[in-house]
Amino acid sequence: MYWLIATNAAATDKMTKKRKLSLEYVPEYTAIGIFTPRKDYRFCWLLNQKLNLDFKRIPDFWQKPYNQDDPIPFPIYFDETPELLLQYFLIVNKTPAGILFDKPNNLDLLFLLKNQSGQADPEEIIKSIKRISVVQAAYLLDGKLGKRAANIFYDLEMHIGSIPQAP
C-alpha cells in the first residue's frame, strides 16, 4: 500500500510556497519472529502439520544482506487461502552468506502474514507456533525490524508478483 505525504518546504521567496510530495510504502504484513535450531525445510513441515498449512518453496528471494553490497538468495516458502484473502510467507533470515535483518538478534525465520480480510488472529498463530517443540521463541515484531523493513517488504511484493502462477 502506498501513502502520499505532502509536506511544506521553506521557500526563499515569501510569495512562493513549495510543496514536496513523497510516496512511502506501508507494508501490509504482520511479522512474527521465530527462533529455532531446525532447518527451514524441516520447520516448514512442522508448520504444515501443526497449523494445517501447505507451505511450498518458491523461487529464492534475492536481497542485499545486512551490511553487504551484493544480493544473495534467501529461501522463501509460501501458502495462501484465497477465499479468506490470507497469504503466509516464511523467509529464512540467516544463511551462511549473510542475514536479512540484524534485529532482533539471532532471528532465524520470519513468518509474514498478509491478512487483508482480518480473518486470521496473529496472537493465535503465535500461540500455535510456540506449541511446536523445537521453537525456542516466537513473537510479534511490530516495528522491531528496523528501517530496512519497508524496502524489503516492497521488494518482496515485487518478487511475489514476478512468480508465474501455477495452473
Protein backbone atom coordinates (compact mmCIF):
# COMPACT_ATOMS: atom_id res chain seq x y z
CA MET A 1 0.00 0.00 0.00
CA TYR A 2 1.27 3.47 -0.79
CA TRP A 3 0.62 6.69 1.09
CA LEU A 4 1.02 10.10 -0.46
CA ILE A 5 2.52 12.53 2.00
CA ALA A 6 2.58 16.27 1.42
CA THR A 7 4.95 18.47 3.36
CA ASN A 8 5.71 22.16 3.20
CA ALA A 9 9.23 23.15 2.31
CA ALA A 10 10.70 26.51 3.20
CA ALA A 11 10.84 28.86 0.23
CA THR A 12 13.31 31.67 -0.34
CA ASP A 13 10.62 33.90 -1.81
CA LYS A 14 7.89 34.69 0.72
CA MET A 15 5.28 34.71 -2.02
CA THR A 16 6.11 31.25 -3.29
CA LYS A 17 5.36 28.15 -1.28
CA LYS A 18 6.87 24.87 -2.28
CA ARG A 19 5.24 21.58 -1.57
CA LYS A 20 7.11 18.33 -1.51
CA LEU A 21 5.27 15.12 -2.33
CA SER A 22 6.69 11.76 -1.50
CA LEU A 23 5.43 8.21 -1.80
CA GLU A 24 6.02 5.85 1.09
CA TYR A 25 5.40 2.13 1.04
CA VAL A 26 3.43 0.97 4.06
CA PRO A 27 3.70 -2.81 4.34
CA GLU A 28 0.55 -4.83 4.86
CA TYR A 29 2.33 -7.62 6.68
CA THR A 30 2.22 -8.83 10.24
CA ALA A 31 5.73 -10.04 11.02
CA ILE A 32 6.36 -12.85 13.51
CA GLY A 33 9.91 -13.70 14.50
CA ILE A 34 10.75 -17.37 15.06
CA PHE A 35 13.80 -18.69 16.85
CA THR A 36 14.53 -22.37 16.21
CA PRO A 37 17.57 -24.57 15.57
CA ARG A 38 15.69 -26.57 12.87
CA LYS A 39 16.49 -26.23 9.19
CA ASP A 40 13.93 -24.24 7.23
CA TYR A 41 12.51 -27.16 5.24
CA ARG A 42 12.06 -29.29 8.35
CA PHE A 43 10.43 -26.43 10.21
CA CYS A 44 8.06 -25.87 7.27
CA TRP A 45 7.00 -29.48 7.51
CA LEU A 46 6.25 -28.97 11.22
CA LEU A 47 4.28 -25.77 10.48
CA ASN A 48 2.29 -27.60 7.84
CA GLN A 49 1.45 -30.35 10.32
CA LYS A 50 0.67 -28.19 13.36
CA LEU A 51 -1.00 -25.16 11.73
CA ASN A 52 -2.72 -27.08 8.94
CA LEU A 53 -0.86 -25.07 6.28
CA ASP A 54 0.63 -26.13 2.96
CA PHE A 55 3.91 -24.22 2.65
CA LYS A 56 5.69 -24.75 -0.64
CA ARG A 57 9.12 -23.47 -1.57
CA ILE A 58 9.06 -20.77 -4.23
CA PRO A 59 12.00 -19.17 -6.07
CA ASP A 60 14.52 -17.64 -3.69
CA PHE A 61 14.18 -14.01 -2.68
CA TRP A 62 17.34 -12.18 -3.76
CA GLN A 63 18.17 -9.32 -1.45
CA LYS A 64 21.20 -7.46 -0.15
CA PRO A 65 22.00 -8.78 3.30
CA TYR A 66 22.57 -6.51 6.25
CA ASN A 67 25.89 -4.63 5.83
CA GLN A 68 26.69 -6.20 2.44
CA ASP A 69 26.52 -4.87 -1.11
CA ASP A 70 25.85 -7.94 -3.24
CA PRO A 71 22.43 -9.62 -3.23
CA ILE A 72 22.21 -13.23 -2.09
CA PRO A 73 19.33 -15.72 -2.17
CA PHE A 74 17.10 -16.17 0.86
CA PRO A 75 14.88 -19.27 0.79
CA ILE A 76 11.19 -18.45 0.95
CA TYR A 77 8.06 -20.58 1.42
CA PHE A 78 4.51 -19.60 0.54
CA ASP A 79 0.94 -20.65 1.25
CA GLU A 80 -2.37 -18.91 0.76
CA THR A 81 -6.04 -19.22 1.49
CA PRO A 82 -7.58 -17.24 -1.40
CA GLU A 83 -11.17 -17.42 -0.17
CA LEU A 84 -10.12 -15.64 3.07
CA LEU A 85 -7.60 -13.32 1.37
CA LEU A 86 -4.78 -14.73 3.50
CA GLN A 87 -1.18 -15.18 2.42
CA TYR A 88 1.57 -16.73 4.51
CA PHE A 89 5.31 -16.44 3.94
CA LEU A 90 8.22 -18.00 5.75
CA ILE A 91 11.57 -16.39 4.97
CA VAL A 92 14.93 -17.65 6.16
CA ASN A 93 16.66 -14.75 7.92
CA LYS A 94 20.10 -16.33 8.39
CA THR A 95 22.01 -18.03 5.60
CA PRO A 96 25.72 -18.92 5.52
CA ALA A 97 26.26 -15.94 3.17
CA GLY A 98 24.52 -13.32 5.33
CA ILE A 99 21.49 -12.18 7.30
CA LEU A 100 18.46 -10.28 6.06
CA PHE A 101 17.58 -8.46 9.30
CA ASP A 102 20.12 -7.84 12.04
CA LYS A 103 17.48 -7.07 14.66
CA PRO A 104 16.26 -8.82 16.70
CA ASN A 105 19.48 -10.69 17.36
CA ASN A 106 19.63 -14.35 16.31
CA LEU A 107 16.32 -14.26 14.42
CA ASP A 108 16.16 -17.50 12.42
CA LEU A 109 12.91 -17.28 10.47
CA LEU A 110 10.44 -14.58 9.59
CA PHE A 111 6.78 -15.59 9.37
CA LEU A 112 4.81 -12.98 7.43
CA LEU A 113 1.04 -12.83 7.38
CA LYS A 114 -0.78 -10.76 4.79
CA ASN A 115 -4.23 -10.61 6.36
CA GLN A 116 -6.33 -8.46 4.04
CA SER A 117 -9.63 -9.81 5.33
CA GLY A 118 -8.82 -9.66 9.03
CA GLN A 119 -9.83 -13.33 9.35
CA ALA A 120 -6.58 -14.52 10.97
CA ASP A 121 -5.60 -13.66 14.52
CA PRO A 122 -1.81 -13.15 14.76
CA GLU A 123 -1.84 -13.89 18.51
CA GLU A 124 -3.44 -17.30 17.88
CA ILE A 125 -0.87 -18.05 15.18
CA ILE A 126 1.93 -17.16 17.60
CA LYS A 127 0.43 -19.44 20.27
CA SER A 128 0.25 -22.29 17.75
CA ILE A 129 3.85 -21.73 16.65
CA LYS A 130 5.04 -21.69 20.27
CA ARG A 131 3.41 -25.12 20.82
CA ILE A 132 5.87 -26.66 18.34
CA SER A 133 8.50 -28.35 20.48
CA VAL A 134 11.55 -27.09 18.54
CA VAL A 135 10.54 -23.42 18.82
CA GLN A 136 12.66 -21.55 21.33
CA ALA A 137 10.71 -18.30 20.94
CA ALA A 138 8.14 -16.66 18.67
CA TYR A 139 6.75 -13.18 18.96
CA LEU A 140 5.25 -10.26 17.08
CA LEU A 141 7.87 -7.97 15.53
CA ASP A 142 5.91 -4.72 15.32
CA GLY A 143 8.50 -2.12 14.32
CA LYS A 144 11.43 -4.22 15.54
CA LEU A 145 12.90 -4.99 12.11
CA GLY A 146 14.42 -1.57 11.57
CA LYS A 147 14.39 0.97 8.77
CA ARG A 148 15.08 -1.53 6.00
CA ALA A 149 11.84 -3.45 6.58
CA ALA A 150 9.59 -1.33 4.35
CA ASN A 151 12.04 -1.55 1.44
CA ILE A 152 12.50 -5.28 1.86
CA PHE A 153 8.74 -5.85 2.05
CA TYR A 154 8.28 -3.78 -1.11
CA ASP A 155 10.93 -5.90 -2.86
CA LEU A 156 9.13 -9.00 -1.59
CA GLU A 157 5.87 -7.78 -3.18
CA MET A 158 7.73 -7.31 -6.49
CA HIS A 159 9.28 -10.76 -6.15
CA ILE A 160 5.94 -12.46 -5.47
CA GLY A 161 4.34 -10.60 -8.37
CA SER A 162 7.05 -11.83 -10.76
CA ILE A 163 6.47 -15.53 -9.99
CA PRO A 164 4.23 -17.22 -12.57
CA GLN A 165 1.06 -18.63 -11.04
CA ALA A 166 0.66 -22.39 -11.10
CA PRO A 167 -2.16 -23.61 -13.40
